[in-house]
Amino acid sequence: MKKKINLTEKEPAELTKMLAESREELRATRFAAAGARAKDSSTLKKNRATVARVLTEQGRRTRAAITGTPVTTVTS
């Protein structure tokens, strides 16, 4: 089982790098899937989810900076 990535512990530069890598991988997977069958059909969904998680964390940090409230971690 893959270890869960905790985005709240990442630095802003790491989040930006992770977002760029995920978007590039998503783009490459989409073009590869257009030409032939994908080996792992869930790759697109996983990449989209990663991009969404990173963008959510960046937005949460931006809103916290604007409002002046501290960034708190959400536990579930």
Protein backbone atom coordinates (compact mmCIF):
# COMPACT_ATOMS: atom_id res chain seq x y z
CA MET A 1 0.00 0.00 0.00
CA LYS A 2 1.30 3.43 -0.93
CA LYS A 3 2.07 5.85 1.89
CA LYS A 4 -0.32 8.81 2.05
CA ILE A 5 1.24 12.16 1.18
CA ASN A 6 0.65 14.85 3.80
CA LEU A 7 0.45 18.12 1.90
CA THR A 8 0.15 20.27 5.03
CA GLU A 9 3.79 19.49 5.88
CA LYS A 10 5.13 20.50 2.45
CA GLU A 11 6.80 23.83 1.73
CA PRO A 12 5.15 26.14 -0.85
CA ALA A 13 7.96 25.49 -3.34
CA GLU A 14 7.48 21.75 -2.95
CA LEU A 15 3.74 22.11 -3.58
CA THR A 16 4.39 24.14 -6.73
CA LYS A 17 6.87 21.55 -8.00
CA MET A 18 4.49 18.71 -7.17
CA LEU A 19 1.66 20.50 -9.02
CA ALA A 20 3.78 21.01 -12.13
CA GLU A 21 4.90 17.37 -12.13
CA SER A 22 1.36 16.09 -11.64
CA ARG A 23 0.00 18.28 -14.43
CA GLU A 24 2.76 17.14 -16.80
CA GLU A 25 2.11 13.50 -15.97
CA LEU A 26 -1.62 14.04 -16.49
CA ARG A 27 -0.98 15.67 -19.87
CA ALA A 28 1.33 12.87 -20.96
CA THR A 29 -1.16 10.22 -19.85
CA ARG A 30 -3.97 11.90 -21.76
CA PHE A 31 -2.00 11.99 -24.99
CA ALA A 32 -0.80 8.42 -24.53
CA ALA A 33 -4.37 7.26 -23.94
CA ALA A 34 -5.54 8.98 -27.13
CA GLY A 35 -3.23 6.85 -29.26
CA ALA A 36 -3.59 3.48 -27.58
CA ARG A 37 -5.07 1.73 -24.61
CA ALA A 38 -3.71 2.83 -21.27
CA LYS A 39 -2.03 0.18 -19.14
CA ASP A 40 -3.59 1.53 -15.96
CA SER A 41 -6.95 3.14 -16.57
CA SER A 42 -7.07 4.68 -13.08
CA THR A 43 -3.95 6.80 -13.68
CA LEU A 44 -5.97 9.74 -15.03
CA LYS A 45 -8.24 9.77 -12.00
CA LYS A 46 -5.30 9.55 -9.59
CA ASN A 47 -3.46 12.42 -11.31
CA ARG A 48 -6.54 14.63 -11.35
CA ALA A 49 -7.07 13.95 -7.65
CA THR A 50 -3.45 14.84 -6.85
CA VAL A 51 -3.73 18.11 -8.78
CA ALA A 52 -6.96 18.93 -6.94
CA ARG A 53 -5.41 18.19 -3.54
CA VAL A 54 -2.41 20.40 -4.21
CA LEU A 55 -4.56 23.27 -5.51
CA THR A 56 -6.84 22.95 -2.47
CA GLU A 57 -3.90 23.15 -0.08
CA GLN A 58 -2.44 26.16 -1.90
CA GLY A 59 -5.82 27.91 -1.81
CA ARG A 60 -6.24 27.16 1.87
CA ARG A 61 -2.85 28.68 2.62
CA THR A 62 -3.60 31.73 0.49
CA ARG A 63 -6.92 32.33 2.25
CA ALA A 64 -5.25 31.91 5.64
CA ALA A 65 -2.59 34.48 4.69
CA ILE A 66 -5.18 36.98 3.49
CA THR A 67 -7.42 36.68 6.53
CA GLY A 68 -4.51 36.46 8.97
CA THR A 69 -5.71 33.21 10.51
CA PRO A 70 -3.23 30.44 11.20
CA VAL A 71 -3.23 27.38 8.98
CA THR A 72 -4.58 24.47 10.96
CA THR A 73 -4.42 20.83 10.02
CA VAL A 74 -7.66 18.96 9.55
CA THR A 75 -7.82 15.53 11.11
CA SER A 76 -10.39 13.02 10.07
